Amino acid sequence: MAKVQTSSSRPYHIIIFGASGFTGQFVVEELARTMSEGPNGTLKWAVAGRSRPKLEKVLEQAAGVLGKPELRAAVEVLVADVGEPDSLAAMCKQAVIVLNCVGPYRFWGEPVVKACVENGAHCIDICGEPQFLESMQLNYDSQAADKGLYIVGSCGFDSIPADLGVIYTRDQFKGTLTAVESFLTASAGPEGASIHDGTWQSAIYGFADSEKLRNLRKKFGHNPLPVVGSKIKRRSALFYSSEVQQYAVPFMGADPSVVKRTQRFLHEDYQETPVQYGAYAGVGGAANVAKMLIVGVMFWLLVKFSFGRNLLIKYPEFFSFGYFSKDGPSRKQMEGSSFQFAFHGEGYTEGQDPSQGPPNSKIRTLVQGPEAGYVATPITMVQAAITILNEPTALPKKGGVYTPGATFARTTLVERLNKHGVQFSVI
């Protein structure tokens, strides 16, 4: 199917929508760093959002940070508002790919996906909200496929490190990989760490709507994926992990659902053995566990009621011991922070029959990188877009609404990320 034409018919390879938002500003800086990686040498790009003065300020800030005074004149500013469909349509008609940084996506995401599909632009977001991601697949997959468009959600820290990490582990394993557990740990420098409260809000609405997600999944009518080898054991809600030498809990983000959707696609479309997946996050020592339990109990009690949700949204710092804030992290905090995913996989060596006993081989891989939310996320988002532009023949045969793993399993995205500071390696 013919892919969307690049700059010969559309003025911009990439438009960053929501460029003046907290995350959007860092996506602008990252794209400006990688302008020479376009399909013909130089990317043509623009920024878009509701406020021209704010967008101009972001470009000026990026020009200062990067020492590129020419940036302001080189990048076009477009005014588009998620509440004005005509403005979204006009924006999407000018782009090969729209990078959507406007969240929470459950409120603001669908109009952008709809405008992209109707006006012939690919769309990438950094959403970590399974309900939005899966409802877009249910509602827009066939329309996107008909037009050869790729709508790819969760292309930030949720969920490229986990999703591509599982695929990387499988590709490095000599034989049939059947199960992977990942353990996420994060470290902060002397300035500490913080996350912008947009992520906090997404979590609040996600927990409040968990019943809707269960009902949504029934509409797909999926059969269970086959289990090859031993069935993966679920760990308890809190346990001491020998893998990361600290207490750990099940990872609460989008990663498990994204990885499962990817494994379904690879099994159904490429006839690959599905990999079972368990995701956990290290929370540190006993003092951190105590704090987390207090936050968890308050969150769980308040999130069920509208007045409780309003309190959580109004006072994120109070209810999260300062971990989430309306200001987000400072640049110093970002510079001192990093993340690490340890993947522990098991399976069967070449020639070994998975039906004849337990797995007989193990593998351990790492994905590590800089601060997750506002340094690593812009890197993964921008490199995902550049991969779509540069490697159209390595993408799935037809367009559609995809996970990162489904989209990029056969591309060089992992190699690109390795060159840009998000490192994949075998231990």
Protein backbone atom coordinates (compact mmCIF):
# COMPACT_ATOMS: atom_id res chain seq x y z
CA MET A 1 0.00 0.00 0.00
CA ALA A 2 1.33 3.46 -0.86
CA LYS A 3 2.81 5.26 2.08
CA VAL A 4 2.05 8.91 2.82
CA GLN A 5 4.18 11.18 0.63
CA THR A 6 6.92 13.14 2.37
CA SER A 7 7.83 16.77 1.96
CA SER A 8 7.25 16.85 -1.81
CA SER A 9 3.51 17.03 -1.10
CA ARG A 10 3.51 17.89 2.63
CA PRO A 11 5.58 20.75 3.98
CA TYR A 12 6.70 18.99 7.17
CA HIS A 13 8.08 15.56 7.96
CA ILE A 14 7.12 16.05 11.62
CA ILE A 15 4.81 18.37 13.57
CA ILE A 16 5.07 18.36 17.38
CA PHE A 17 1.58 19.02 18.72
CA GLY A 18 1.48 20.27 22.31
CA ALA A 19 5.04 21.56 21.94
CA SER A 20 4.64 24.13 24.72
CA GLY A 21 3.51 21.55 27.30
CA PHE A 22 5.86 20.26 29.99
CA THR A 23 6.97 17.19 28.01
CA GLY A 24 6.49 18.83 24.62
CA GLN A 25 9.24 21.40 25.27
CA PHE A 26 11.79 18.61 25.75
CA VAL A 27 10.57 16.80 22.60
CA VAL A 28 11.25 20.09 20.73
CA GLU A 29 14.83 20.16 22.06
CA GLU A 30 15.41 16.50 21.18
CA LEU A 31 14.07 16.88 17.63
CA ALA A 32 16.24 19.97 17.14
CA ARG A 33 19.28 17.86 18.13
CA THR A 34 18.49 15.26 15.46
CA MET A 35 17.52 17.46 12.51
CA SER A 36 20.13 15.82 10.26
CA GLU A 37 18.52 12.35 10.51
CA GLY A 38 15.62 12.93 8.11
CA PRO A 39 14.99 10.70 5.11
CA ASN A 40 16.86 13.06 2.77
CA GLY A 41 19.34 14.46 5.23
CA THR A 42 17.38 17.23 6.94
CA LEU A 43 14.08 17.04 8.75
CA LYS A 44 11.49 19.67 7.97
CA TRP A 45 9.41 20.22 11.07
CA ALA A 46 7.05 22.56 12.87
CA VAL A 47 5.59 23.06 16.34
CA ALA A 48 1.88 23.36 17.04
CA GLY A 49 -0.41 24.19 19.95
CA ARG A 50 -3.01 26.65 21.20
CA SER A 51 -0.79 29.62 21.98
CA ARG A 52 1.59 31.16 19.42
CA PRO A 53 3.48 33.21 22.08
CA LYS A 54 4.07 30.08 24.22
CA LEU A 55 5.27 28.11 21.18
CA GLU A 56 7.63 30.92 20.19
CA LYS A 57 8.97 31.01 23.75
CA VAL A 58 9.65 27.24 23.64
CA LEU A 59 11.62 27.64 20.40
CA GLU A 60 13.63 30.50 21.90
CA GLN A 61 14.33 28.38 24.99
CA ALA A 62 15.43 25.40 22.85
CA ALA A 63 17.65 27.68 20.74
CA GLY A 64 19.34 28.90 23.93
CA VAL A 65 19.76 25.45 25.49
CA LEU A 66 21.23 23.96 22.30
CA GLY A 67 23.24 27.01 21.22
CA LYS A 68 21.34 27.13 17.90
CA PRO A 69 20.15 30.74 17.47
CA GLU A 70 18.99 29.92 13.92
CA LEU A 71 16.38 27.49 15.29
CA ARG A 72 13.67 30.08 15.86
CA ALA A 73 13.69 31.22 12.22
CA ALA A 74 13.99 27.68 10.86
CA VAL A 75 10.95 26.15 12.61
CA GLU A 76 7.40 27.13 11.71
CA VAL A 77 4.78 27.81 14.40
CA LEU A 78 1.23 26.51 13.75
CA VAL A 79 -1.81 27.28 15.90
CA ALA A 80 -4.06 24.25 16.49
CA ASP A 81 -6.47 23.45 19.30
CA VAL A 82 -7.71 20.00 20.29
CA GLY A 83 -11.19 21.56 20.75
CA GLU A 84 -11.26 22.91 17.17
CA PRO A 85 -11.43 20.05 14.64
CA ASP A 86 -10.82 22.33 11.64
CA SER A 87 -7.52 23.51 13.12
CA LEU A 88 -6.46 19.90 13.78
CA ALA A 89 -7.37 18.91 10.21
CA ALA A 90 -5.35 21.82 8.80
CA MET A 91 -2.36 20.78 10.93
CA CYS A 92 -2.56 17.09 9.99
CA LYS A 93 -2.76 17.86 6.25
CA GLN A 94 0.68 19.47 6.51
CA ALA A 95 2.48 16.64 8.33
CA VAL A 96 3.82 13.22 7.42
CA ILE A 97 3.87 12.41 11.17
CA VAL A 98 2.23 14.18 14.11
CA LEU A 99 3.93 13.72 17.49
CA ASN A 100 1.08 14.18 19.97
CA CYS A 101 2.24 15.41 23.39
CA VAL A 102 -1.19 16.57 24.67
CA GLY A 103 -2.45 14.54 27.64
CA PRO A 104 -4.16 13.13 29.59
CA TYR A 105 -4.95 11.25 26.40
CA ARG A 106 -8.27 9.91 27.67
CA PHE A 107 -9.57 13.51 27.40
CA TRP A 108 -7.56 15.01 24.56
CA GLY A 109 -6.13 12.13 22.53
CA GLU A 110 -8.93 10.88 20.29
CA PRO A 111 -9.54 14.12 18.32
CA VAL A 112 -5.87 14.05 17.27
CA VAL A 113 -5.97 10.38 16.20
CA LYS A 114 -9.21 11.04 14.28
CA ALA A 115 -7.76 14.09 12.52
CA CYS A 116 -4.59 12.19 11.59
CA VAL A 117 -6.51 9.23 10.15
CA GLU A 118 -8.94 11.46 8.22
CA ASN A 119 -6.20 13.72 6.85
CA GLY A 120 -3.49 11.23 6.03
CA ALA A 121 -0.85 11.66 8.75
CA HIS A 122 0.87 9.02 10.84
CA CYS A 123 0.50 9.64 14.60
CA ILE A 124 2.82 8.86 17.50
CA ASP A 125 2.06 9.52 21.17
CA ILE A 126 3.67 8.91 24.56
CA CYS A 127 0.52 7.69 26.29
CA GLY A 128 0.71 5.32 29.26
CA GLU A 129 -3.07 4.83 29.55
CA PRO A 130 -4.16 1.32 28.43
CA GLN A 131 -7.82 2.31 28.13
CA PHE A 132 -7.02 5.03 25.57
CA LEU A 133 -4.47 2.92 23.70
CA GLU A 134 -6.77 -0.06 23.34
CA SER A 135 -9.88 1.98 22.50
CA MET A 136 -7.93 3.65 19.65
CA GLN A 137 -7.06 0.19 18.33
CA LEU A 138 -10.70 -0.89 18.53
CA ASN A 139 -12.06 2.27 16.86
CA TYR A 140 -9.43 3.29 14.28
CA ASP A 141 -7.39 0.24 13.30
CA SER A 142 -9.30 -0.63 10.14
CA GLN A 143 -9.50 3.01 8.94
CA ALA A 144 -5.76 3.48 9.48
CA ALA A 145 -5.04 0.18 7.70
CA ASP A 146 -7.13 1.24 4.68
CA LYS A 147 -5.02 4.39 4.33
CA GLY A 148 -1.63 2.84 5.09
CA LEU A 149 -1.24 5.00 8.21
CA TYR A 150 0.60 3.99 11.37
CA ILE A 151 -0.96 5.13 14.64
CA VAL A 152 1.55 4.12 17.31
CA GLY A 153 0.83 4.72 20.98
CA SER A 154 3.10 4.53 24.05
CA CYS A 155 6.30 5.58 22.26
CA GLY A 156 7.85 7.14 25.37
CA PHE A 157 9.21 5.55 28.54
CA ASP A 158 5.83 3.86 28.51
CA SER A 159 6.47 1.55 26.73
CA ILE A 160 9.42 1.42 24.33
CA PRO A 161 12.07 0.20 26.84
CA ALA A 162 9.83 -2.66 28.05
CA ASP A 163 8.25 -3.60 24.70
CA LEU A 164 11.44 -3.42 22.62
CA GLY A 165 13.37 -4.86 25.59
CA VAL A 166 11.33 -8.08 25.43
CA ILE A 167 11.85 -8.28 21.64
CA TYR A 168 15.57 -7.57 22.00
CA THR A 169 15.85 -10.31 24.66
CA ARG A 170 14.07 -12.74 22.35
CA ASP A 171 16.31 -11.80 19.40
CA GLN A 172 19.48 -12.36 21.48
CA PHE A 173 18.30 -15.71 22.85
CA LYS A 174 19.65 -18.78 21.05
CA GLY A 175 16.53 -20.93 20.87
CA THR A 176 12.88 -20.32 21.83
CA LEU A 177 12.32 -17.66 24.50
CA THR A 178 9.10 -18.40 26.42
CA ALA A 179 8.99 -16.04 29.42
CA VAL A 180 10.51 -12.75 30.58
CA GLU A 181 10.31 -10.83 33.85
CA SER A 182 11.47 -7.22 33.91
CA PHE A 183 12.63 -5.29 36.97
CA LEU A 184 12.66 -1.50 36.73
CA THR A 185 14.86 0.56 39.03
CA ALA A 186 15.41 4.32 38.96
CA SER A 187 18.13 6.36 40.58
CA ALA A 188 18.27 10.06 41.43
CA GLY A 189 21.19 12.42 42.02
CA PRO A 190 21.78 14.72 45.01
CA GLU A 191 18.93 16.99 43.84
CA GLY A 192 16.38 14.19 44.15
CA ALA A 193 13.70 13.29 41.60
CA SER A 194 10.26 14.49 40.60
CA ILE A 195 7.58 13.70 38.03
CA HIS A 196 5.20 16.23 36.48
CA ASP A 197 1.65 15.82 37.77
CA GLY A 198 0.26 15.03 34.29
CA THR A 199 1.42 11.44 34.89
CA TRP A 200 -0.23 11.49 38.33
CA GLN A 201 -3.53 12.60 36.75
CA SER A 202 -3.36 9.82 34.15
CA ALA A 203 -2.92 7.29 36.98
CA ILE A 204 -5.87 8.73 38.94
CA TYR A 205 -8.28 8.51 36.01
CA GLY A 206 -6.93 5.11 34.97
CA PHE A 207 -7.58 3.50 38.37
CA ALA A 208 -10.99 5.16 38.61
CA ASP A 209 -11.98 3.68 35.22
CA SER A 210 -10.54 0.17 35.56
CA GLU A 211 -13.97 -1.46 35.09
CA LYS A 212 -14.38 0.29 31.70
CA LEU A 213 -11.05 -1.17 30.58
CA ARG A 214 -12.20 -4.71 31.40
CA ASN A 215 -15.40 -4.18 29.38
CA LEU A 216 -13.43 -2.69 26.49
CA ARG A 217 -11.18 -5.75 26.28
CA LYS A 218 -14.16 -8.07 25.98
CA LYS A 219 -15.11 -6.31 22.71
CA PHE A 220 -11.96 -7.59 20.96
CA GLY A 221 -13.07 -11.20 21.47
CA HIS A 222 -9.47 -12.41 21.68
CA ASN A 223 -8.68 -16.05 22.38
CA PRO A 224 -6.06 -16.58 25.10
CA LEU A 225 -2.49 -16.65 23.76
CA PRO A 226 -0.93 -20.13 23.83
CA VAL A 227 1.43 -20.78 26.73
CA VAL A 228 4.67 -22.41 25.61
CA GLY A 229 6.81 -24.03 28.32
CA SER A 230 6.13 -23.42 32.01
CA LYS A 231 3.41 -20.92 32.90
CA ILE A 232 4.97 -17.81 34.41
CA LYS A 233 4.30 -17.44 38.15
CA ARG A 234 2.84 -14.17 39.38
CA ARG A 235 4.76 -12.67 42.28
CA SER A 236 3.10 -11.23 45.37
CA ALA A 237 2.07 -7.58 45.75
CA LEU A 238 5.27 -6.82 47.70
CA PHE A 239 8.38 -9.01 47.81
CA TYR A 240 12.14 -8.81 48.21
CA SER A 241 13.69 -9.22 44.77
CA SER A 242 17.03 -11.00 44.60
CA GLU A 243 17.24 -9.78 40.99
CA VAL A 244 17.56 -6.10 41.98
CA GLN A 245 18.47 -6.52 45.67
CA GLN A 246 15.58 -4.44 46.96
CA TYR A 247 11.85 -4.65 47.63
CA ALA A 248 9.70 -4.75 44.50
CA VAL A 249 6.04 -4.47 43.49
CA PRO A 250 4.14 -5.30 40.28
CA PHE A 251 4.67 -2.49 37.77
CA MET A 252 1.45 -0.45 37.61
CA GLY A 253 1.95 1.26 34.23
CA ALA A 254 0.99 0.36 30.67
CA ASP A 255 3.96 -1.95 29.98
CA PRO A 256 2.29 -5.34 30.69
CA SER A 257 -0.73 -4.56 28.49
CA VAL A 258 1.42 -3.11 25.69
CA VAL A 259 3.80 -6.08 25.67
CA LYS A 260 0.87 -8.51 25.61
CA ARG A 261 -0.67 -6.71 22.60
CA THR A 262 2.69 -6.86 20.83
CA GLN A 263 3.10 -10.57 21.54
CA ARG A 264 -0.42 -11.19 20.19
CA PHE A 265 0.43 -9.35 16.96
CA LEU A 266 3.76 -11.18 16.51
CA HIS A 267 2.03 -14.53 17.12
CA GLU A 268 -0.97 -13.89 14.87
CA ASP A 269 0.74 -12.01 12.03
CA TYR A 270 4.28 -13.43 12.07
CA GLN A 271 3.55 -16.86 13.63
CA GLU A 272 6.14 -16.26 16.37
CA THR A 273 6.09 -17.99 19.77
CA PRO A 274 4.42 -15.61 22.24
CA VAL A 275 6.57 -14.60 25.20
CA GLN A 276 4.89 -14.50 28.62
CA TYR A 277 5.71 -11.34 30.53
CA GLY A 278 5.77 -10.17 34.15
CA ALA A 279 6.71 -6.56 35.02
CA TYR A 280 7.99 -5.37 38.41
CA ALA A 281 9.47 -2.20 39.84
CA GLY A 282 12.03 -1.89 42.60
CA VAL A 283 10.97 0.45 45.42
CA GLY A 284 14.11 0.38 47.59
CA GLY A 285 14.43 -0.41 51.28
CA ALA A 286 12.03 -0.62 54.22
CA ALA A 287 11.62 3.18 54.62
CA ASN A 288 10.53 3.52 50.99
CA VAL A 289 8.16 0.59 51.37
CA ALA A 290 6.50 2.31 54.35
CA LYS A 291 6.04 5.54 52.34
CA MET A 292 4.70 3.63 49.36
CA LEU A 293 2.15 1.79 51.50
CA ILE A 294 0.88 5.08 52.98
CA VAL A 295 0.60 6.66 49.51
CA GLY A 296 -1.03 3.50 48.13
CA VAL A 297 -3.68 3.31 50.87
CA MET A 298 -4.58 7.02 50.56
CA PHE A 299 -4.66 6.78 46.78
CA TRP A 300 -6.81 3.65 46.81
CA LEU A 301 -9.35 5.16 49.24
CA LEU A 302 -9.60 8.56 47.52
CA VAL A 303 -9.55 7.53 43.86
CA LYS A 304 -12.96 5.81 44.16
CA PHE A 305 -14.84 9.07 44.79
CA SER A 306 -15.00 12.29 42.78
CA PHE A 307 -14.15 14.50 45.77
CA GLY A 308 -11.20 12.22 46.54
CA ARG A 309 -9.95 12.41 42.97
CA ASN A 310 -10.23 16.21 43.12
CA LEU A 311 -8.09 16.23 46.27
CA LEU A 312 -5.48 13.98 44.67
CA ILE A 313 -5.36 16.21 41.57
CA LYS A 314 -5.20 19.45 43.58
CA TYR A 315 -2.43 18.36 45.98
CA PRO A 316 -0.16 15.90 44.12
CA GLU A 317 2.93 16.76 46.20
CA PHE A 318 1.18 16.16 49.52
CA PHE A 319 -0.33 12.81 48.53
CA SER A 320 2.87 11.49 46.89
CA PHE A 321 5.49 12.66 49.43
CA GLY A 322 6.70 15.22 46.87
CA TYR A 323 7.35 12.65 44.12
CA PHE A 324 4.76 14.20 41.79
CA SER A 325 4.55 17.99 41.45
CA LYS A 326 2.86 20.63 39.33
CA ASP A 327 6.28 22.07 38.47
CA GLY A 328 7.86 18.77 37.43
CA PRO A 329 11.59 18.08 37.81
CA SER A 330 14.27 20.75 37.46
CA ARG A 331 16.97 20.34 34.81
CA LYS A 332 19.45 19.53 37.60
CA GLN A 333 17.17 16.74 38.83
CA MET A 334 16.90 15.38 35.30
CA GLU A 335 20.68 15.42 34.82
CA GLY A 336 21.15 13.35 37.98
CA SER A 337 18.45 10.75 37.26
CA SER A 338 18.54 7.51 35.30
CA PHE A 339 16.62 4.26 34.85
CA GLN A 340 17.49 0.61 34.36
CA PHE A 341 15.35 -2.32 33.21
CA ALA A 342 16.77 -5.77 33.96
CA PHE A 343 15.14 -8.50 31.83
CA HIS A 344 15.36 -12.09 33.07
CA GLY A 345 14.29 -14.50 30.35
CA GLU A 346 14.04 -18.27 30.09
CA GLY A 347 13.35 -20.71 27.29
CA TYR A 348 14.59 -23.70 25.33
CA THR A 349 17.85 -24.07 23.45
CA GLU A 350 17.73 -24.78 19.71
CA GLY A 351 16.49 -28.29 19.04
CA GLN A 352 14.91 -28.67 22.50
CA ASP A 353 11.20 -29.55 22.50
CA PRO A 354 9.23 -27.16 24.81
CA SER A 355 6.65 -29.90 25.45
CA GLN A 356 9.31 -32.18 26.95
CA GLY A 357 10.00 -30.53 30.29
CA PRO A 358 10.83 -27.19 31.89
CA PRO A 359 12.94 -24.45 30.21
CA ASN A 360 16.65 -25.34 30.07
CA SER A 361 18.27 -21.98 29.29
CA LYS A 362 18.29 -18.43 30.66
CA ILE A 363 19.25 -14.98 29.43
CA ARG A 364 19.66 -11.61 31.12
CA THR A 365 19.56 -8.29 29.27
CA LEU A 366 19.53 -4.64 30.26
CA VAL A 367 17.90 -1.51 28.94
CA GLN A 368 19.26 1.59 30.64
CA GLY A 369 19.12 5.27 29.99
CA PRO A 370 18.87 8.82 31.30
CA GLU A 371 15.97 10.33 33.29
CA ALA A 372 12.88 8.47 32.15
CA GLY A 373 10.08 11.01 31.75
CA TYR A 374 11.63 14.04 30.04
CA VAL A 375 15.01 12.90 28.68
CA ALA A 376 14.50 9.25 27.64
CA THR A 377 10.89 9.80 26.53
CA PRO A 378 11.75 12.53 23.98
CA ILE A 379 14.62 10.35 22.67
CA THR A 380 12.38 7.29 22.16
CA MET A 381 9.54 9.35 20.65
CA VAL A 382 11.77 11.18 18.17
CA GLN A 383 13.67 8.04 17.14
CA ALA A 384 10.37 6.19 16.63
CA ALA A 385 9.26 8.95 14.23
CA ILE A 386 12.58 8.98 12.38
CA THR A 387 12.39 5.18 12.02
CA ILE A 388 8.95 5.43 10.39
CA LEU A 389 10.27 8.08 7.98
CA ASN A 390 13.46 6.20 7.09
CA GLU A 391 12.36 2.55 7.12
CA PRO A 392 8.86 2.27 5.63
CA THR A 393 9.53 -1.19 4.14
CA ALA A 394 10.46 -2.62 7.58
CA LEU A 395 7.10 -1.68 9.14
CA PRO A 396 4.11 -4.07 9.26
CA LYS A 397 2.73 -4.74 5.77
CA LYS A 398 -0.39 -2.68 6.32
CA GLY A 399 -1.13 0.39 8.39
CA GLY A 400 -3.14 0.27 11.58
CA VAL A 401 -3.14 1.11 15.28
CA TYR A 402 -0.09 -0.61 16.72
CA THR A 403 2.13 -0.98 19.75
CA PRO A 404 5.80 0.05 19.44
CA GLY A 405 6.93 -3.59 19.43
CA ALA A 406 4.53 -4.52 16.63
CA THR A 407 5.60 -1.48 14.60
CA PHE A 408 9.36 -1.62 15.11
CA ALA A 409 10.18 -5.34 15.64
CA ARG A 410 11.87 -5.55 12.23
CA THR A 411 13.41 -2.07 12.09
CA THR A 412 16.71 -0.67 13.40
CA LEU A 413 15.04 1.30 16.23
CA VAL A 414 17.08 -0.50 18.92
CA GLU A 415 20.33 0.41 17.13
CA ARG A 416 19.16 4.01 16.77
CA LEU A 417 18.33 4.19 20.49
CA ASN A 418 21.75 2.75 21.38
CA LYS A 419 23.35 5.67 19.53
CA HIS A 420 21.19 8.21 21.35
CA GLY A 421 21.72 7.15 24.97
CA VAL A 422 19.06 4.47 25.59
CA GLN A 423 21.25 1.38 25.73
CA PHE A 424 20.24 -2.25 25.07
CA SER A 425 22.78 -4.91 26.10
CA VAL A 426 23.16 -8.60 27.00
CA ILE A 427 24.72 -9.49 30.36
